[in-house]
Amino acid sequence: MITKNLLKEQIDRIPYEHIGVIYRIIQVFENITDDINENKMKPSRYNQTYDKEEWLEFIKDTYGCFKDDPIKRWEQGEFEIRETIQ
């Protein structure tokens, strides 16, 4: 199975003089994606599947990202008292 990481590794091996060709190929796929979006045929992002390697890479990249800025729950506060609806 081809993963994004495998694809990125292959792109890194391409000689510099061919980078323009690769960039044009990527632009073609971006245009196809734009056409799909305009026709509302794009599948929901929630239906996407990821292979195990991509998921583990995501976890590795994001694990501990809030260690220096932990999430805090502040006090509830008070709500404004309004007139009742009749």
C-alpha atoms as a PDB file:
ATOM      1  CA  MET A   1       0.000   0.000   0.000  1.00  0.00           C
ATOM      2  CA  ILE A   2       1.240   3.462  -0.873  1.00  0.00           C
ATOM      3  CA  THR A   3       1.313   5.889   2.026  1.00  0.00           C
ATOM      4  CA  LYS A   4       1.938   9.616   2.092  1.00  0.00           C
ATOM      5  CA  ASN A   5       5.282   9.006   3.773  1.00  0.00           C
ATOM      6  CA  LEU A   6       6.347   6.579   1.051  1.00  0.00           C
ATOM      7  CA  LEU A   7       5.320   9.103  -1.585  1.00  0.00           C
ATOM      8  CA  LYS A   8       7.243  11.885   0.189  1.00  0.00           C
ATOM      9  CA  GLU A   9      10.358   9.680   0.329  1.00  0.00           C
ATOM     10  CA  GLN A  10      10.127   9.060  -3.403  1.00  0.00           C
ATOM     11  CA  ILE A  11       9.688  12.770  -4.131  1.00  0.00           C
ATOM     12  CA  ASP A  12      12.817  13.510  -2.069  1.00  0.00           C
ATOM     13  CA  ARG A  13      14.794  11.220  -4.406  1.00  0.00           C
ATOM     14  CA  ILE A  14      13.772  13.067  -7.586  1.00  0.00           C
ATOM     15  CA  PRO A  15      16.560  15.145  -9.137  1.00  0.00           C
ATOM     16  CA  TYR A  16      16.079  18.869  -8.625  1.00  0.00           C
ATOM     17  CA  GLU A  17      15.720  19.564 -12.352  1.00  0.00           C
ATOM     18  CA  HIS A  18      12.498  17.464 -12.438  1.00  0.00           C
ATOM     19  CA  ILE A  19      10.786  19.194  -9.513  1.00  0.00           C
ATOM     20  CA  GLY A  20       8.836  21.465 -11.872  1.00  0.00           C
ATOM     21  CA  VAL A  21       7.250  18.452 -13.560  1.00  0.00           C
ATOM     22  CA  ILE A  22       6.216  16.970 -10.219  1.00  0.00           C
ATOM     23  CA  TYR A  23       4.758  20.320  -9.172  1.00  0.00           C
ATOM     24  CA  ARG A  24       2.648  20.467 -12.351  1.00  0.00           C
ATOM     25  CA  ILE A  25       1.360  16.940 -11.707  1.00  0.00           C
ATOM     26  CA  ILE A  26       0.312  17.966  -8.186  1.00  0.00           C
ATOM     27  CA  GLN A  27      -1.471  21.004  -9.626  1.00  0.00           C
ATOM     28  CA  VAL A  28      -3.453  18.721 -11.950  1.00  0.00           C
ATOM     29  CA  PHE A  29      -4.686  16.757  -8.927  1.00  0.00           C
ATOM     30  CA  GLU A  30      -5.541  19.976  -7.097  1.00  0.00           C
ATOM     31  CA  ASN A  31      -7.654  21.042 -10.083  1.00  0.00           C
ATOM     32  CA  ILE A  32      -9.426  17.680 -10.094  1.00  0.00           C
ATOM     33  CA  THR A  33     -10.142  18.095  -6.377  1.00  0.00           C
ATOM     34  CA  ASP A  34     -11.482  21.621  -7.005  1.00  0.00           C
ATOM     35  CA  ASP A  35     -13.793  20.254  -9.719  1.00  0.00           C
ATOM     36  CA  ILE A  36     -15.072  17.558  -7.355  1.00  0.00           C
ATOM     37  CA  ASN A  37     -15.669  20.143  -4.606  1.00  0.00           C
ATOM     38  CA  GLU A  38     -17.641  22.367  -6.973  1.00  0.00           C
ATOM     39  CA  ASN A  39     -19.860  19.437  -7.918  1.00  0.00           C
ATOM     40  CA  LYS A  40     -20.252  18.487  -4.240  1.00  0.00           C
ATOM     41  CA  MET A  41     -19.080  14.981  -5.051  1.00  0.00           C
ATOM     42  CA  LYS A  42     -16.223  14.973  -2.571  1.00  0.00           C
ATOM     43  CA  PRO A  43     -16.676  12.365   0.163  1.00  0.00           C
ATOM     44  CA  SER A  44     -16.977  13.620   3.713  1.00  0.00           C
ATOM     45  CA  ARG A  45     -13.665  13.984   5.534  1.00  0.00           C
ATOM     46  CA  TYR A  46     -15.170  11.870   8.292  1.00  0.00           C
ATOM     47  CA  ASN A  47     -15.405   8.921   5.910  1.00  0.00           C
ATOM     48  CA  GLN A  48     -11.716   8.983   5.058  1.00  0.00           C
ATOM     49  CA  THR A  49      -9.612   6.033   6.074  1.00  0.00           C
ATOM     50  CA  TYR A  50      -5.979   6.158   7.067  1.00  0.00           C
ATOM     51  CA  ASP A  51      -3.514   3.349   7.168  1.00  0.00           C
ATOM     52  CA  LYS A  52      -1.854   2.383  10.417  1.00  0.00           C
ATOM     53  CA  GLU A  53       1.500   3.945   9.470  1.00  0.00           C
ATOM     54  CA  GLU A  54      -0.075   7.362   8.798  1.00  0.00           C
ATOM     55  CA  TRP A  55      -2.025   7.211  12.058  1.00  0.00           C
ATOM     56  CA  LEU A  56       1.068   6.335  14.094  1.00  0.00           C
ATOM     57  CA  GLU A  57       2.994   9.166  12.395  1.00  0.00           C
ATOM     58  CA  PHE A  58       0.191  11.593  13.306  1.00  0.00           C
ATOM     59  CA  ILE A  59       0.277  10.436  16.947  1.00  0.00           C
ATOM     60  CA  LYS A  60       4.081  10.778  17.029  1.00  0.00           C
ATOM     61  CA  ASP A  61       3.883  14.323  15.620  1.00  0.00           C
ATOM     62  CA  THR A  62       1.131  15.526  17.962  1.00  0.00           C
ATOM     63  CA  TYR A  63       1.760  13.626  21.212  1.00  0.00           C
ATOM     64  CA  GLY A  64       2.471  16.012  24.055  1.00  0.00           C
ATOM     65  CA  CYS A  65       1.818  19.160  22.014  1.00  0.00           C
ATOM     66  CA  PHE A  66       0.047  20.786  25.012  1.00  0.00           C
ATOM     67  CA  LYS A  67       2.625  19.864  27.649  1.00  0.00           C
ATOM     68  CA  ASP A  68       3.835  23.485  27.881  1.00  0.00           C
ATOM     69  CA  ASP A  69       0.304  24.943  27.681  1.00  0.00           C
ATOM     70  CA  PRO A  70      -2.069  22.583  29.502  1.00  0.00           C
ATOM     71  CA  ILE A  71      -5.810  22.891  29.024  1.00  0.00           C
ATOM     72  CA  LYS A  72      -7.455  24.583  32.018  1.00  0.00           C
ATOM     73  CA  ARG A  73     -11.094  24.661  33.080  1.00  0.00           C
ATOM     74  CA  TRP A  74     -11.923  28.076  34.453  1.00  0.00           C
ATOM     75  CA  GLU A  75     -14.702  28.769  36.933  1.00  0.00           C
ATOM     76  CA  GLN A  76     -18.241  28.564  35.572  1.00  0.00           C
ATOM     77  CA  GLY A  77     -19.225  32.206  35.914  1.00  0.00           C
ATOM     78  CA  GLU A  78     -22.765  33.538  36.196  1.00  0.00           C
ATOM     79  CA  PHE A  79     -25.533  33.833  33.657  1.00  0.00           C
ATOM     80  CA  GLU A  80     -27.564  36.969  33.117  1.00  0.00           C
ATOM     81  CA  ILE A  81     -31.130  36.676  34.452  1.00  0.00           C
ATOM     82  CA  ARG A  82     -33.619  37.613  31.725  1.00  0.00           C
ATOM     83  CA  GLU A  83     -37.354  38.130  31.551  1.00  0.00           C
ATOM     84  CA  THR A  84     -39.421  35.001  31.055  1.00  0.00           C
ATOM     85  CA  ILE A  85     -40.908  34.272  27.633  1.00  0.00           C
ATOM     86  CA  GLN A  86     -44.701  34.338  27.535  1.00  0.00           C
END
